[in-house]
Amino acid sequence: MQASMTSQHMSRDAVIKTYARWAPIYDKVFGSVFEQARRAAVEACERIGGRVLEVGVGTGISLPYYSRHCRVTGIDISEPMLRVARQRVLDDRLEHVERLELMDAERLTFPDASFDVVVAQYVVNTVPNPEAALDEFLRVLRPGGELVIVNRVGAEKGPRRAFEVLFQPVAQRLGWRSEFQWERFENWADHTLSAYLLERRPVPPLGHFSLIRFGKGEAVHKA
């Protein structure tokens, strides 16, 4: 998991410090709240199967949901979170998990087209440069593969939009952006040569989050 320090700019060091604090209590605070969305994301991955990269694997809370149909690599920027994940793999004997590595979502060290599925749950609205991270996700995804995202999508207008703007300073301290607009995903996809939207649907809690699936095709010219 990764975090923001201002609505426009985020510090990588602050990200690391924020999620070091979350590591001991993350599962208790967010375990049941986001369970349905996590299961929906894993189900989407299972439809493709093969090699799965879970970005922002955190404490590994999603790892037990995968079947042997998937071979999972997890990465995270927080070593304390990864320590919890590694212990979970040992305790639960999760043989489908191939490796867990300390890595920045914006600077993946994997070769191009390394994975059949890339999944990022509650990550895109927390990294310092969301578009750079999305570019990296797409780079390591093979053509024909899928990018599966669970992310908060901000309101375009109305009372909820006003609340998100007001809540942003608090959200920063907790480790995410409260006002992440769908337009950012649209603009990113429009500027890529190979990403196309497959699905967008609300997921719990309260429909403030969305399950978003992008496919990767061969590079084409977009007018």
C-alpha atoms as a PDB file:
ATOM      1  CA  MET A   1       0.000   0.000   0.000  1.00  0.00           C
ATOM      2  CA  GLN A   2       1.098   3.592  -0.612  1.00  0.00           C
ATOM      3  CA  ALA A   3       0.075   7.044   0.566  1.00  0.00           C
ATOM      4  CA  SER A   4      -0.354  10.727  -0.319  1.00  0.00           C
ATOM      5  CA  MET A   5       0.853  13.767   1.576  1.00  0.00           C
ATOM      6  CA  THR A   6      -0.857  16.514  -0.436  1.00  0.00           C
ATOM      7  CA  SER A   7      -3.674  16.451  -2.969  1.00  0.00           C
ATOM      8  CA  GLN A   8      -1.197  17.203  -5.768  1.00  0.00           C
ATOM      9  CA  HIS A   9       2.120  15.742  -4.595  1.00  0.00           C
ATOM     10  CA  MET A  10       3.183  12.897  -2.352  1.00  0.00           C
ATOM     11  CA  SER A  11       6.437  11.978  -0.667  1.00  0.00           C
ATOM     12  CA  ARG A  12       7.759   8.454  -1.153  1.00  0.00           C
ATOM     13  CA  ASP A  13       9.360   8.518   2.306  1.00  0.00           C
ATOM     14  CA  ALA A  14       6.088   9.603   3.885  1.00  0.00           C
ATOM     15  CA  VAL A  15       4.345   6.728   2.081  1.00  0.00           C
ATOM     16  CA  ILE A  16       6.726   4.257   3.677  1.00  0.00           C
ATOM     17  CA  LYS A  17       6.322   5.761   7.150  1.00  0.00           C
ATOM     18  CA  THR A  18       2.537   5.862   6.889  1.00  0.00           C
ATOM     19  CA  TYR A  19       2.144   2.201   6.021  1.00  0.00           C
ATOM     20  CA  ALA A  20       4.716   1.095   8.562  1.00  0.00           C
ATOM     21  CA  ARG A  21       2.259   2.474  11.118  1.00  0.00           C
ATOM     22  CA  TRP A  22      -0.673   0.690   9.462  1.00  0.00           C
ATOM     23  CA  ALA A  23       1.038  -2.716   9.269  1.00  0.00           C
ATOM     24  CA  PRO A  24       0.172  -4.060  12.749  1.00  0.00           C
ATOM     25  CA  ILE A  25      -3.512  -3.059  12.568  1.00  0.00           C
ATOM     26  CA  TYR A  26      -4.362  -2.976   8.860  1.00  0.00           C
ATOM     27  CA  ASP A  27      -6.214  -6.307   8.768  1.00  0.00           C
ATOM     28  CA  LYS A  28      -8.315  -5.471  11.811  1.00  0.00           C
ATOM     29  CA  VAL A  29      -9.284  -2.046  10.493  1.00  0.00           C
ATOM     30  CA  PHE A  30      -9.881  -2.889   6.810  1.00  0.00           C
ATOM     31  CA  GLY A  31     -10.331  -6.666   6.740  1.00  0.00           C
ATOM     32  CA  SER A  32     -14.115  -6.937   6.721  1.00  0.00           C
ATOM     33  CA  VAL A  33     -14.748  -3.474   5.216  1.00  0.00           C
ATOM     34  CA  PHE A  34     -13.072  -4.306   1.898  1.00  0.00           C
ATOM     35  CA  GLU A  35     -13.527  -8.082   1.821  1.00  0.00           C
ATOM     36  CA  GLN A  36     -16.226  -8.166  -0.897  1.00  0.00           C
ATOM     37  CA  ALA A  37     -14.200  -5.913  -3.174  1.00  0.00           C
ATOM     38  CA  ARG A  38     -11.038  -7.961  -2.636  1.00  0.00           C
ATOM     39  CA  ARG A  39     -12.871 -11.169  -3.498  1.00  0.00           C
ATOM     40  CA  ALA A  40     -14.329  -9.544  -6.632  1.00  0.00           C
ATOM     41  CA  ALA A  41     -10.839  -8.505  -7.749  1.00  0.00           C
ATOM     42  CA  VAL A  42      -9.458 -12.008  -7.225  1.00  0.00           C
ATOM     43  CA  GLU A  43     -12.410 -13.512  -9.108  1.00  0.00           C
ATOM     44  CA  ALA A  44     -11.565 -11.244 -12.051  1.00  0.00           C
ATOM     45  CA  CYS A  45      -7.952 -12.435 -11.911  1.00  0.00           C
ATOM     46  CA  GLU A  46      -9.047 -16.067 -11.774  1.00  0.00           C
ATOM     47  CA  ARG A  47     -10.900 -15.698 -15.078  1.00  0.00           C
ATOM     48  CA  ILE A  48      -7.534 -15.095 -16.747  1.00  0.00           C
ATOM     49  CA  GLY A  49      -5.269 -17.132 -14.481  1.00  0.00           C
ATOM     50  CA  GLY A  50      -1.575 -17.719 -15.069  1.00  0.00           C
ATOM     51  CA  ARG A  51       1.013 -15.324 -13.690  1.00  0.00           C
ATOM     52  CA  VAL A  52      -0.518 -12.631 -11.484  1.00  0.00           C
ATOM     53  CA  LEU A  53       1.240  -9.545 -10.149  1.00  0.00           C
ATOM     54  CA  GLU A  54      -0.468  -8.043  -7.108  1.00  0.00           C
ATOM     55  CA  VAL A  55       0.790  -4.487  -6.671  1.00  0.00           C
ATOM     56  CA  GLY A  56       0.443  -3.123  -3.163  1.00  0.00           C
ATOM     57  CA  VAL A  57       0.037  -6.601  -1.718  1.00  0.00           C
ATOM     58  CA  GLY A  58       0.319  -5.112   1.760  1.00  0.00           C
ATOM     59  CA  THR A  59      -0.218  -7.675   4.513  1.00  0.00           C
ATOM     60  CA  GLY A  60      -1.175 -10.299   1.937  1.00  0.00           C
ATOM     61  CA  ILE A  61      -4.785 -10.208   3.024  1.00  0.00           C
ATOM     62  CA  SER A  62      -5.981 -11.193  -0.490  1.00  0.00           C
ATOM     63  CA  LEU A  63      -3.484 -14.001  -1.029  1.00  0.00           C
ATOM     64  CA  PRO A  64      -5.566 -16.844   0.483  1.00  0.00           C
ATOM     65  CA  TYR A  65      -8.390 -16.101  -1.985  1.00  0.00           C
ATOM     66  CA  TYR A  66      -6.377 -17.201  -5.038  1.00  0.00           C
ATOM     67  CA  SER A  67      -6.547 -20.760  -6.297  1.00  0.00           C
ATOM     68  CA  ARG A  68      -3.722 -22.845  -7.739  1.00  0.00           C
ATOM     69  CA  HIS A  69      -4.967 -21.616 -11.118  1.00  0.00           C
ATOM     70  CA  CYS A  70      -2.868 -18.499 -10.431  1.00  0.00           C
ATOM     71  CA  ARG A  71       0.822 -18.094  -9.640  1.00  0.00           C
ATOM     72  CA  VAL A  72       1.072 -14.909  -7.635  1.00  0.00           C
ATOM     73  CA  THR A  73       3.902 -12.421  -7.202  1.00  0.00           C
ATOM     74  CA  GLY A  74       3.258  -9.634  -4.700  1.00  0.00           C
ATOM     75  CA  ILE A  75       5.106  -6.350  -4.337  1.00  0.00           C
ATOM     76  CA  ASP A  76       4.835  -3.528  -1.833  1.00  0.00           C
ATOM     77  CA  ILE A  77       6.814  -0.450  -0.817  1.00  0.00           C
ATOM     78  CA  SER A  78       6.428  -1.173   2.906  1.00  0.00           C
ATOM     79  CA  GLU A  79       8.740  -3.732   4.484  1.00  0.00           C
ATOM     80  CA  PRO A  80       6.637  -3.981   7.684  1.00  0.00           C
ATOM     81  CA  MET A  81       3.567  -4.814   5.584  1.00  0.00           C
ATOM     82  CA  LEU A  82       5.546  -7.423   3.647  1.00  0.00           C
ATOM     83  CA  ARG A  83       6.723  -9.061   6.867  1.00  0.00           C
ATOM     84  CA  VAL A  84       3.089  -9.699   7.764  1.00  0.00           C
ATOM     85  CA  ALA A  85       2.426 -11.032   4.247  1.00  0.00           C
ATOM     86  CA  ARG A  86       5.404 -13.402   4.357  1.00  0.00           C
ATOM     87  CA  GLN A  87       4.264 -14.817   7.689  1.00  0.00           C
ATOM     88  CA  ARG A  88       0.762 -15.321   6.251  1.00  0.00           C
ATOM     89  CA  VAL A  89       2.201 -17.287   3.333  1.00  0.00           C
ATOM     90  CA  LEU A  90       4.079 -19.532   5.746  1.00  0.00           C
ATOM     91  CA  ASP A  91       1.232 -19.974   8.214  1.00  0.00           C
ATOM     92  CA  ASP A  92      -1.395 -20.680   5.542  1.00  0.00           C
ATOM     93  CA  ARG A  93       0.965 -22.687   3.293  1.00  0.00           C
ATOM     94  CA  LEU A  94       0.083 -20.603   0.261  1.00  0.00           C
ATOM     95  CA  GLU A  95       2.035 -22.529  -2.352  1.00  0.00           C
ATOM     96  CA  HIS A  96       0.560 -20.515  -5.224  1.00  0.00           C
ATOM     97  CA  VAL A  97       2.480 -17.430  -3.998  1.00  0.00           C
ATOM     98  CA  GLU A  98       5.789 -17.482  -5.864  1.00  0.00           C
ATOM     99  CA  ARG A  99       7.465 -14.471  -4.268  1.00  0.00           C
ATOM    100  CA  LEU A 100       6.941 -11.264  -2.310  1.00  0.00           C
ATOM    101  CA  GLU A 101       9.277  -8.365  -3.013  1.00  0.00           C
ATOM    102  CA  LEU A 102       9.964  -4.849  -1.794  1.00  0.00           C
ATOM    103  CA  MET A 103       9.368  -2.619  -4.811  1.00  0.00           C
ATOM    104  CA  ASP A 104       8.018   0.775  -5.859  1.00  0.00           C
ATOM    105  CA  ALA A 105       4.814   0.592  -7.932  1.00  0.00           C
ATOM    106  CA  GLU A 106       6.113   3.405 -10.143  1.00  0.00           C
ATOM    107  CA  ARG A 107       9.423   1.624 -10.840  1.00  0.00           C
ATOM    108  CA  LEU A 108       8.741  -2.057 -11.390  1.00  0.00           C
ATOM    109  CA  THR A 109      11.864  -4.088 -12.085  1.00  0.00           C
ATOM    110  CA  PHE A 110      10.125  -6.838 -14.082  1.00  0.00           C
ATOM    111  CA  PRO A 111      10.668  -7.233 -17.836  1.00  0.00           C
ATOM    112  CA  ASP A 112       7.981  -6.160 -20.288  1.00  0.00           C
ATOM    113  CA  ALA A 113       4.982  -8.505 -20.693  1.00  0.00           C
ATOM    114  CA  SER A 114       5.901 -10.593 -17.635  1.00  0.00           C
ATOM    115  CA  PHE A 115       2.369 -11.189 -16.307  1.00  0.00           C
ATOM    116  CA  ASP A 116      -1.031 -12.391 -17.483  1.00  0.00           C
ATOM    117  CA  VAL A 117      -2.840 -10.223 -14.913  1.00  0.00           C
ATOM    118  CA  VAL A 118      -1.815  -7.179 -12.910  1.00  0.00           C
ATOM    119  CA  VAL A 119      -4.068  -6.365  -9.963  1.00  0.00           C
ATOM    120  CA  ALA A 120      -3.862  -3.181  -7.883  1.00  0.00           C
ATOM    121  CA  GLN A 121      -6.273  -2.847  -4.974  1.00  0.00           C
ATOM    122  CA  TYR A 122      -6.488   0.524  -3.226  1.00  0.00           C
ATOM    123  CA  VAL A 123      -3.186   1.602  -4.774  1.00  0.00           C
ATOM    124  CA  VAL A 124      -3.738   4.000  -7.684  1.00  0.00           C
ATOM    125  CA  ASN A 125      -5.170   6.827  -5.562  1.00  0.00           C
ATOM    126  CA  THR A 126      -2.319   6.513  -3.060  1.00  0.00           C
ATOM    127  CA  VAL A 127       0.890   6.565  -5.103  1.00  0.00           C
ATOM    128  CA  PRO A 128       2.700   9.871  -5.744  1.00  0.00           C
ATOM    129  CA  ASN A 129       2.240   9.647  -9.543  1.00  0.00           C
ATOM    130  CA  PRO A 130      -0.784   7.496 -10.453  1.00  0.00           C
ATOM    131  CA  GLU A 131      -0.240   7.740 -14.215  1.00  0.00           C
ATOM    132  CA  ALA A 132       3.370   6.583 -13.907  1.00  0.00           C
ATOM    133  CA  ALA A 133       2.218   3.580 -11.891  1.00  0.00           C
ATOM    134  CA  LEU A 134      -0.495   2.758 -14.444  1.00  0.00           C
ATOM    135  CA  ASP A 135       2.096   2.945 -17.221  1.00  0.00           C
ATOM    136  CA  GLU A 136       4.259   0.457 -15.331  1.00  0.00           C
ATOM    137  CA  PHE A 137       1.331  -1.899 -14.747  1.00  0.00           C
ATOM    138  CA  LEU A 138       0.587  -1.884 -18.462  1.00  0.00           C
ATOM    139  CA  ARG A 139       4.231  -2.344 -19.421  1.00  0.00           C
ATOM    140  CA  VAL A 140       4.655  -5.575 -17.447  1.00  0.00           C
ATOM    141  CA  LEU A 141       1.286  -6.937 -18.642  1.00  0.00           C
ATOM    142  CA  ARG A 142       1.286  -9.185 -21.701  1.00  0.00           C
ATOM    143  CA  PRO A 143      -0.906  -8.318 -24.720  1.00  0.00           C
ATOM    144  CA  GLY A 144      -4.254  -9.999 -24.179  1.00  0.00           C
ATOM    145  CA  GLY A 145      -3.864  -9.771 -20.411  1.00  0.00           C
ATOM    146  CA  GLU A 146      -5.919  -7.720 -17.975  1.00  0.00           C
ATOM    147  CA  LEU A 147      -5.281  -4.932 -15.515  1.00  0.00           C
ATOM    148  CA  VAL A 148      -7.670  -5.271 -12.551  1.00  0.00           C
ATOM    149  CA  ILE A 149      -8.045  -2.236 -10.285  1.00  0.00           C
ATOM    150  CA  VAL A 150     -10.057  -1.560  -7.156  1.00  0.00           C
ATOM    151  CA  ASN A 151      -9.996   2.139  -6.447  1.00  0.00           C
ATOM    152  CA  ARG A 152     -11.887   4.973  -4.887  1.00  0.00           C
ATOM    153  CA  VAL A 153     -13.541   7.104  -7.573  1.00  0.00           C
ATOM    154  CA  GLY A 154     -14.431  10.611  -6.517  1.00  0.00           C
ATOM    155  CA  ALA A 155     -17.761  12.298  -7.121  1.00  0.00           C
ATOM    156  CA  GLU A 156     -17.990  14.780  -9.967  1.00  0.00           C
ATOM    157  CA  LYS A 157     -20.268  17.213  -8.120  1.00  0.00           C
ATOM    158  CA  GLY A 158     -22.755  17.615  -5.294  1.00  0.00           C
ATOM    159  CA  PRO A 159     -22.457  17.141  -1.514  1.00  0.00           C
ATOM    160  CA  ARG A 160     -20.215  14.093  -1.772  1.00  0.00           C
ATOM    161  CA  ARG A 161     -17.742  16.027  -3.933  1.00  0.00           C
ATOM    162  CA  ALA A 162     -17.718  18.878  -1.407  1.00  0.00           C
ATOM    163  CA  PHE A 163     -17.103  16.425   1.423  1.00  0.00           C
ATOM    164  CA  GLU A 164     -14.215  14.765  -0.428  1.00  0.00           C
ATOM    165  CA  VAL A 165     -12.491  18.114  -0.905  1.00  0.00           C
ATOM    166  CA  LEU A 166     -12.934  19.007   2.762  1.00  0.00           C
ATOM    167  CA  PHE A 167     -11.823  15.545   3.915  1.00  0.00           C
ATOM    168  CA  GLN A 168      -8.658  15.545   1.814  1.00  0.00           C
ATOM    169  CA  PRO A 169      -6.306  16.828   4.574  1.00  0.00           C
ATOM    170  CA  VAL A 170      -7.480  14.007   6.855  1.00  0.00           C
ATOM    171  CA  ALA A 171      -7.210  11.447   4.049  1.00  0.00           C
ATOM    172  CA  GLN A 172      -3.616  12.557   3.435  1.00  0.00           C
ATOM    173  CA  ARG A 173      -2.646  11.696   6.985  1.00  0.00           C
ATOM    174  CA  LEU A 174      -4.385   8.308   6.735  1.00  0.00           C
ATOM    175  CA  GLY A 175      -2.603   7.503   3.466  1.00  0.00           C
ATOM    176  CA  TRP A 176      -4.767   8.158   0.408  1.00  0.00           C
ATOM    177  CA  ARG A 177      -6.528  10.745  -1.756  1.00  0.00           C
ATOM    178  CA  SER A 178     -10.225  11.247  -1.091  1.00  0.00           C
ATOM    179  CA  GLU A 179     -10.865  13.119  -4.372  1.00  0.00           C
ATOM    180  CA  PHE A 180      -9.597  10.889  -7.180  1.00  0.00           C
ATOM    181  CA  GLN A 181     -11.650  11.513 -10.312  1.00  0.00           C
ATOM    182  CA  TRP A 182     -12.673   8.974 -12.968  1.00  0.00           C
ATOM    183  CA  GLU A 183     -11.423  11.451 -15.566  1.00  0.00           C
ATOM    184  CA  ARG A 184      -7.856  10.577 -14.591  1.00  0.00           C
ATOM    185  CA  PHE A 185      -8.387   6.959 -15.665  1.00  0.00           C
ATOM    186  CA  GLU A 186     -10.069   8.087 -18.895  1.00  0.00           C
ATOM    187  CA  ASN A 187      -7.282  10.495 -19.769  1.00  0.00           C
ATOM    188  CA  TRP A 188      -4.629   7.898 -19.027  1.00  0.00           C
ATOM    189  CA  ALA A 189      -6.313   5.284 -21.227  1.00  0.00           C
ATOM    190  CA  ASP A 190      -6.759   7.823 -24.020  1.00  0.00           C
ATOM    191  CA  HIS A 191      -3.033   8.552 -24.016  1.00  0.00           C
ATOM    192  CA  THR A 192      -1.889   4.930 -24.048  1.00  0.00           C
ATOM    193  CA  LEU A 193      -1.564   2.984 -27.266  1.00  0.00           C
ATOM    194  CA  SER A 194      -2.928  -0.297 -25.996  1.00  0.00           C
ATOM    195  CA  ALA A 195      -5.242   0.020 -22.960  1.00  0.00           C
ATOM    196  CA  TYR A 196      -8.999  -0.259 -23.363  1.00  0.00           C
ATOM    197  CA  LEU A 197     -11.765  -0.335 -20.758  1.00  0.00           C
ATOM    198  CA  LEU A 198     -13.479  -3.674 -20.218  1.00  0.00           C
ATOM    199  CA  GLU A 199     -15.557  -3.007 -17.123  1.00  0.00           C
ATOM    200  CA  ARG A 200     -16.306  -0.473 -14.431  1.00  0.00           C
ATOM    201  CA  ARG A 201     -18.726  -1.284 -11.624  1.00  0.00           C
ATOM    202  CA  PRO A 202     -19.261  -0.117  -8.053  1.00  0.00           C
ATOM    203  CA  VAL A 203     -18.154  -2.332  -5.192  1.00  0.00           C
ATOM    204  CA  PRO A 204     -18.712  -2.036  -1.421  1.00  0.00           C
ATOM    205  CA  PRO A 205     -18.519  -0.162   0.809  1.00  0.00           C
ATOM    206  CA  LEU A 206     -21.189   2.378  -0.144  1.00  0.00           C
ATOM    207  CA  GLY A 207     -20.354   2.251  -3.858  1.00  0.00           C
ATOM    208  CA  HIS A 208     -17.604   4.839  -3.411  1.00  0.00           C
ATOM    209  CA  PHE A 209     -15.133   2.337  -4.844  1.00  0.00           C
ATOM    210  CA  SER A 210     -15.068   0.719  -8.267  1.00  0.00           C
ATOM    211  CA  LEU A 211     -13.788  -2.494  -9.785  1.00  0.00           C
ATOM    212  CA  ILE A 212     -12.144  -1.423 -13.040  1.00  0.00           C
ATOM    213  CA  ARG A 213     -10.786  -3.766 -15.698  1.00  0.00           C
ATOM    214  CA  PHE A 214      -8.574  -2.716 -18.604  1.00  0.00           C
ATOM    215  CA  GLY A 215      -7.482  -5.029 -21.382  1.00  0.00           C
ATOM    216  CA  LYS A 216      -4.172  -4.723 -23.179  1.00  0.00           C
ATOM    217  CA  GLY A 217      -4.148  -5.040 -26.940  1.00  0.00           C
ATOM    218  CA  GLU A 218      -1.451  -4.523 -29.513  1.00  0.00           C
ATOM    219  CA  ALA A 219      -0.291  -0.927 -29.778  1.00  0.00           C
ATOM    220  CA  VAL A 220      -2.545   1.071 -32.121  1.00  0.00           C
ATOM    221  CA  HIS A 221      -2.644   4.694 -33.209  1.00  0.00           C
ATOM    222  CA  LYS A 222      -5.284   6.769 -31.417  1.00  0.00           C
ATOM    223  CA  ALA A 223      -6.427   9.949 -33.087  1.00  0.00           C
END
